[in-house]
PDB file of N, CA and C in Angstrom:
ATOM      1  N   LEU A   1      11.408  29.852  25.158  1.00  0.00           N
ATOM      2  CA  LEU A   1      11.748  28.491  25.571  1.00  0.00           C
ATOM      3  C   LEU A   1      10.488  27.650  25.768  1.00  0.00           C
ATOM      4  N   SER A   2       9.414  28.281  26.261  1.00  0.00           N
ATOM      5  CA  SER A   2       8.192  27.519  26.539  1.00  0.00           C
ATOM      6  C   SER A   2       7.518  27.072  25.234  1.00  0.00           C
ATOM      7  N   THR A   3       7.804  27.765  24.118  1.00  0.00           N
ATOM      8  CA  THR A   3       7.166  27.392  22.856  1.00  0.00           C
ATOM      9  C   THR A   3       7.971  26.332  22.113  1.00  0.00           C
ATOM     10  N   SER A   4       9.205  26.052  22.555  1.00  0.00           N
ATOM     11  CA  SER A   4      10.018  25.064  21.840  1.00  0.00           C
ATOM     12  C   SER A   4       9.537  23.646  22.139  1.00  0.00           C
ATOM     13  N   ILE A   5       8.911  23.438  23.301  1.00  0.00           N
ATOM     14  CA  ILE A   5       8.466  22.081  23.649  1.00  0.00           C
ATOM     15  C   ILE A   5       7.286  21.648  22.761  1.00  0.00           C
ATOM     16  N   PRO A   6       6.241  22.467  22.585  1.00  0.00           N
ATOM     17  CA  PRO A   6       5.173  22.062  21.662  1.00  0.00           C
ATOM     18  C   PRO A   6       5.683  21.890  20.233  1.00  0.00           C
ATOM     19  N   ASP A   7       6.663  22.709  19.828  1.00  0.00           N
ATOM     20  CA  ASP A   7       7.197  22.570  18.471  1.00  0.00           C
ATOM     21  C   ASP A   7       7.846  21.203  18.297  1.00  0.00           C
ATOM     22  N   SER A   8       8.644  20.794  19.295  1.00  0.00           N
ATOM     23  CA  SER A   8       9.297  19.489  19.182  1.00  0.00           C
ATOM     24  C   SER A   8       8.246  18.379  19.196  1.00  0.00           C
ATOM     25  N   HIS A   9       7.210  18.553  20.008  1.00  0.00           N
ATOM     26  CA  HIS A   9       6.149  17.544  20.033  1.00  0.00           C
ATOM     27  C   HIS A   9       5.449  17.489  18.677  1.00  0.00           C
ATOM     28  N   ALA A  10       5.200  18.646  18.084  1.00  0.00           N
ATOM     29  CA  ALA A  10       4.545  18.672  16.777  1.00  0.00           C
ATOM     30  C   ALA A  10       5.452  18.034  15.728  1.00  0.00           C
ATOM     31  N   ALA A  11       6.762  18.270  15.834  1.00  0.00           N
ATOM     32  CA  ALA A  11       7.694  17.695  14.862  1.00  0.00           C
ATOM     33  C   ALA A  11       7.699  16.174  14.986  1.00  0.00           C
ATOM     34  N   THR A  12       7.759  15.672  16.221  1.00  0.00           N
ATOM     35  CA  THR A  12       7.765  14.213  16.390  1.00  0.00           C
ATOM     36  C   THR A  12       6.434  13.621  15.944  1.00  0.00           C
ATOM     37  N   ARG A  13       5.340  14.345  16.225  1.00  0.00           N
ATOM     38  CA  ARG A  13       4.037  13.842  15.779  1.00  0.00           C
ATOM     39  C   ARG A  13       3.982  13.838  14.258  1.00  0.00           C
ATOM     40  N   ARG A  14       4.531  14.896  13.632  1.00  0.00           N
ATOM     41  CA  ARG A  14       4.532  14.946  12.169  1.00  0.00           C
ATOM     42  C   ARG A  14       5.369  13.798  11.615  1.00  0.00           C
ATOM     43  N   GLN A  15       6.520  13.527  12.264  1.00  0.00           N
ATOM     44  CA  GLN A  15       7.356  12.414  11.806  1.00  0.00           C
ATOM     45  C   GLN A  15       6.609  11.094  11.943  1.00  0.00           C
ATOM     46  N   ALA A  16       5.909  10.913  13.074  1.00  0.00           N
ATOM     47  CA  ALA A  16       5.168   9.664  13.287  1.00  0.00           C
ATOM     48  C   ALA A  16       4.063   9.522  12.246  1.00  0.00           C
ATOM     49  N   VAL A  17       3.359  10.624  11.972  1.00  0.00           N
ATOM     50  CA  VAL A  17       2.287  10.571  10.973  1.00  0.00           C
ATOM     51  C   VAL A  17       2.873  10.267   9.596  1.00  0.00           C
ATOM     52  N   GLY A  18       4.008  10.885   9.272  1.00  0.00           N
ATOM     53  CA  GLY A  18       4.646  10.618   7.986  1.00  0.00           C
ATOM     54  C   GLY A  18       5.076   9.167   7.874  1.00  0.00           C
ATOM     55  N   LEU A  19       5.627   8.631   8.970  1.00  0.00           N
ATOM     56  CA  LEU A  19       6.060   7.232   8.956  1.00  0.00           C
ATOM     57  C   LEU A  19       4.864   6.305   8.789  1.00  0.00           C
ATOM     58  N   LEU A  20       3.779   6.611   9.494  1.00  0.00           N
ATOM     59  CA  LEU A  20       2.573   5.783   9.375  1.00  0.00           C
ATOM     60  C   LEU A  20       2.010   5.855   7.955  1.00  0.00           C
ATOM     61  N   ALA A  21       2.003   7.057   7.383  1.00  0.00           N
ATOM     62  CA  ALA A  21       1.497   7.202   6.019  1.00  0.00           C
ATOM     63  C   ALA A  21       2.379   6.430   5.043  1.00  0.00           C
ATOM     64  N   PHE A  22       3.705   6.486   5.257  1.00  0.00           N
ATOM     65  CA  PHE A  22       4.627   5.763   4.383  1.00  0.00           C
ATOM     66  C   PHE A  22       4.401   4.256   4.495  1.00  0.00           C
ATOM     67  N   LEU A  23       4.251   3.767   5.723  1.00  0.00           N
ATOM     68  CA  LEU A  23       4.007   2.331   5.920  1.00  0.00           C
ATOM     69  C   LEU A  23       2.667   1.932   5.306  1.00  0.00           C
ATOM     70  N   GLY A  24       1.663   2.780   5.471  1.00  0.00           N
ATOM     71  CA  GLY A  24       0.367   2.480   4.877  1.00  0.00           C
ATOM     72  C   GLY A  24       0.450   2.434   3.357  1.00  0.00           C
ATOM     73  N   LEU A  25       1.222   3.344   2.781  1.00  0.00           N
ATOM     74  CA  LEU A  25       1.384   3.358   1.327  1.00  0.00           C
ATOM     75  C   LEU A  25       2.086   2.093   0.860  1.00  0.00           C
ATOM     76  N   LEU A  26       3.143   1.689   1.589  1.00  0.00           N
ATOM     77  CA  LEU A  26       3.850   0.457   1.228  1.00  0.00           C
ATOM     78  C   LEU A  26       2.903  -0.739   1.328  1.00  0.00           C
ATOM     79  N   PHE A  27       2.125  -0.790   2.409  1.00  0.00           N
ATOM     80  CA  PHE A  27       1.174  -1.893   2.592  1.00  0.00           C
ATOM     81  C   PHE A  27       0.154  -1.909   1.455  1.00  0.00           C
ATOM     82  N   PHE A  28      -0.360  -0.721   1.096  1.00  0.00           N
ATOM     83  CA  PHE A  28      -1.344  -0.630   0.020  1.00  0.00           C
ATOM     84  C   PHE A  28      -0.728  -1.080  -1.308  1.00  0.00           C
ATOM     85  N   LEU A  29       0.532  -0.674  -1.557  1.00  0.00           N
ATOM     86  CA  LEU A  29       1.197  -1.079  -2.791  1.00  0.00           C
ATOM     87  C   LEU A  29       1.369  -2.595  -2.829  1.00  0.00           C
ATOM     88  N   GLY A  30       1.764  -3.183  -1.702  1.00  0.00           N
ATOM     89  CA  GLY A  30       1.938  -4.634  -1.662  1.00  0.00           C
ATOM     90  C   GLY A  30       0.622  -5.355  -1.932  1.00  0.00           C
ATOM     91  N   VAL A  31      -0.445  -4.887  -1.304  1.00  0.00           N
ATOM     92  CA  VAL A  31      -1.758  -5.509  -1.514  1.00  0.00           C
ATOM     93  C   VAL A  31      -2.194  -5.336  -2.963  1.00  0.00           C
ATOM     94  N   ALA A  32      -1.953  -4.149  -3.525  1.00  0.00           N
ATOM     95  CA  ALA A  32      -2.357  -3.895  -4.910  1.00  0.00           C
ATOM     96  C   ALA A  32      -1.580  -4.804  -5.863  1.00  0.00           C
ATOM     97  N   MET A  33      -0.273  -4.950  -5.626  1.00  0.00           N
ATOM     98  CA  MET A  33       0.526  -5.821  -6.499  1.00  0.00           C
ATOM     99  C   MET A  33       0.069  -7.269  -6.363  1.00  0.00           C
ATOM    100  N   PHE A  34      -0.216  -7.706  -5.121  1.00  0.00           N
ATOM    101  CA  PHE A  34      -0.686  -9.080  -4.909  1.00  0.00           C
ATOM    102  C   PHE A  34      -2.016  -9.306  -5.625  1.00  0.00           C
ATOM    103  N   ALA A  35      -2.937  -8.347  -5.489  1.00  0.00           N
ATOM    104  CA  ALA A  35      -4.238  -8.477  -6.145  1.00  0.00           C
ATOM    105  C   ALA A  35      -4.067  -8.461  -7.662  1.00  0.00           C
ATOM    106  N   TYR A  36      -3.158  -7.617  -8.164  1.00  0.00           N
ATOM    107  CA  TYR A  36      -2.936  -7.535  -9.613  1.00  0.00           C
ATOM    108  C   TYR A  36      -2.408  -8.862 -10.144  1.00  0.00           C
ATOM    109  N   GLN A  37      -1.429  -9.452  -9.422  1.00  0.00           N
ATOM    110  CA  GLN A  37      -0.859 -10.719  -9.884  1.00  0.00           C
ATOM    111  C   GLN A  37      -1.898 -11.834  -9.814  1.00  0.00           C
ATOM    112  N   SER A  38      -2.684 -11.875  -8.729  1.00  0.00           N
ATOM    113  CA  SER A  38      -3.695 -12.930  -8.609  1.00  0.00           C
ATOM    114  C   SER A  38      -4.762 -12.742  -9.691  1.00  0.00           C
ATOM    115  N   LEU A  39      -5.118 -11.478  -9.990  1.00  0.00           N
ATOM    116  CA  LEU A  39      -6.092 -11.227 -11.048  1.00  0.00           C
ATOM    117  C   LEU A  39      -5.521 -11.660 -12.392  1.00  0.00           C
ATOM    118  N   GLN A  40      -4.235 -11.396 -12.613  1.00  0.00           N
ATOM    119  CA  GLN A  40      -3.612 -11.821 -13.862  1.00  0.00           C
ATOM    120  C   GLN A  40      -3.670 -13.336 -13.987  1.00  0.00           C
ATOM    121  N   GLY A  41      -3.370 -14.038 -12.876  1.00  0.00           N
ATOM    122  CA  GLY A  41      -3.416 -15.497 -12.905  1.00  0.00           C
ATOM    123  C   GLY A  41      -4.827 -15.989 -13.204  1.00  0.00           C
ATOM    124  N   CYS A  42      -5.833 -15.375 -12.576  1.00  0.00           N
ATOM    125  CA  CYS A  42      -7.217 -15.792 -12.802  1.00  0.00           C
ATOM    126  C   CYS A  42      -7.613 -15.535 -14.254  1.00  0.00           C
ATOM    127  N   SER A  43      -7.266 -14.371 -14.789  1.00  0.00           N
ATOM    128  CA  SER A  43      -7.645 -14.053 -16.163  1.00  0.00           C
ATOM    129  C   SER A  43      -6.915 -14.981 -17.130  1.00  0.00           C
ATOM    130  N   ARG A  44      -5.647 -15.320 -16.819  1.00  0.00           N
ATOM    131  CA  ARG A  44      -4.903 -16.220 -17.701  1.00  0.00           C
ATOM    132  C   ARG A  44      -5.562 -17.601 -17.677  1.00  0.00           C
ATOM    133  N   LYS A  45      -5.965 -18.047 -16.482  1.00  0.00           N
ATOM    134  CA  LYS A  45      -6.613 -19.356 -16.370  1.00  0.00           C
ATOM    135  C   LYS A  45      -7.940 -19.344 -17.126  1.00  0.00           C
ATOM    136  N   MET A  46      -8.703 -18.250 -16.984  1.00  0.00           N
ATOM    137  CA  MET A  46      -9.991 -18.162 -17.662  1.00  0.00           C
ATOM    138  C   MET A  46      -9.802 -18.142 -19.172  1.00  0.00           C
ATOM    139  N   SER A  47      -8.805 -17.393 -19.658  1.00  0.00           N
ATOM    140  CA  SER A  47      -8.579 -17.334 -21.103  1.00  0.00           C
ATOM    141  C   SER A  47      -8.118 -18.698 -21.606  1.00  0.00           C
ATOM    142  N   GLY A  48      -7.335 -19.414 -20.799  1.00  0.00           N
ATOM    143  CA  GLY A  48      -6.912 -20.755 -21.202  1.00  0.00           C
ATOM    144  C   GLY A  48      -8.106 -21.689 -21.294  1.00  0.00           C
ATOM    145  N   ASP A  49      -9.017 -21.604 -20.318  1.00  0.00           N
ATOM    146  CA  ASP A  49     -10.218 -22.440 -20.365  1.00  0.00           C
ATOM    147  C   ASP A  49     -11.057 -22.090 -21.590  1.00  0.00           C
ATOM    148  N   MET A  50     -11.162 -20.790 -21.901  1.00  0.00           N
ATOM    149  CA  MET A  50     -11.926 -20.374 -23.077  1.00  0.00           C
ATOM    150  C   MET A  50     -11.286 -20.939 -24.342  1.00  0.00           C
ATOM    151  N   ALA A  51      -9.954 -20.872 -24.432  1.00  0.00           N
ATOM    152  CA  ALA A  51      -9.267 -21.385 -25.618  1.00  0.00           C
ATOM    153  C   ALA A  51      -9.508 -22.890 -25.736  1.00  0.00           C
ATOM    154  N   GLU A  52      -9.489 -23.602 -24.614  1.00  0.00           N
ATOM    155  CA  GLU A  52      -9.748 -25.041 -24.661  1.00  0.00           C
ATOM    156  C   GLU A  52     -11.189 -25.306 -25.097  1.00  0.00           C
ATOM    157  N   GLY A  53     -12.122 -24.456 -24.616  1.00  0.00           N
ATOM    158  CA  GLY A  53     -13.523 -24.628 -24.991  1.00  0.00           C
ATOM    159  C   GLY A  53     -13.722 -24.398 -26.483  1.00  0.00           C
ATOM    160  N   LEU A  54     -12.980 -23.431 -27.036  1.00  0.00           N
ATOM    161  CA  LEU A  54     -13.098 -23.167 -28.464  1.00  0.00           C
ATOM    162  C   LEU A  54     -12.465 -24.304 -29.240  1.00  0.00           C
TER     163      LEU A  54
END
Protein backbone atom coordinates (compact mmCIF):
# COMPACT_ATOMS: atom_id res chain seq x y z
CA LEU A 1 0.00 0.00 0.00
CA SER A 2 2.86 2.39 0.79
CA THR A 3 4.27 1.96 -2.74
CA SER A 4 0.97 2.77 -4.48
CA ILE A 5 1.17 6.46 -3.52
CA PRO A 6 4.50 7.17 -5.31
CA ASP A 7 3.22 5.19 -8.30
CA SER A 8 0.13 7.38 -8.57
CA HIS A 9 2.30 10.47 -8.18
CA ALA A 10 4.61 9.22 -10.92
CA ALA A 11 1.61 8.49 -13.15
CA THR A 12 0.17 11.98 -12.67
CA ARG A 13 3.60 13.50 -13.22
CA ARG A 14 4.00 11.43 -16.39
CA GLN A 15 0.57 12.60 -17.56
CA ALA A 16 1.49 16.23 -16.83
CA VAL A 17 4.79 15.87 -18.68
CA GLY A 18 3.01 14.23 -21.62
CA LEU A 19 0.42 17.01 -21.70
CA LEU A 20 3.13 19.67 -21.57
CA ALA A 21 5.07 17.94 -24.35
CA PHE A 22 1.89 17.70 -26.44
CA LEU A 23 1.11 21.40 -25.91
CA GLY A 24 4.69 22.31 -26.73
CA LEU A 25 4.52 20.27 -29.93
CA LEU A 26 1.26 21.97 -30.93
CA PHE A 27 2.78 25.38 -30.18
CA PHE A 28 5.90 24.51 -32.20
CA LEU A 29 3.76 23.30 -35.12
CA GLY A 30 1.73 26.51 -35.06
CA VAL A 31 4.86 28.66 -35.03
CA ALA A 32 6.42 26.58 -37.81
CA MET A 33 3.30 26.88 -39.98
CA PHE A 34 3.12 30.64 -39.33
CA ALA A 35 6.80 31.06 -40.21
CA TYR A 36 6.37 28.88 -43.32
CA GLN A 37 3.41 30.93 -44.55
CA SER A 38 5.14 34.26 -43.85
CA LEU A 39 8.27 32.98 -45.61
CA GLN A 40 6.14 31.92 -48.57
CA GLY A 41 4.60 35.39 -48.70
CA CYS A 42 8.03 37.05 -48.54
CA SER A 43 9.46 34.80 -51.26
CA ARG A 44 6.39 35.38 -53.44
CA LYS A 45 6.75 39.15 -52.99
CA MET A 46 10.48 38.97 -53.76
CA SER A 47 9.90 36.85 -56.88
CA GLY A 48 7.22 39.31 -58.00
CA ASP A 49 9.62 42.22 -57.55
CA MET A 50 12.27 40.30 -59.50
CA ALA A 51 9.80 39.62 -62.32
CA GLU A 52 8.89 43.32 -62.42
CA GLY A 53 12.59 44.22 -62.47
CA LEU A 54 13.16 41.88 -65.41
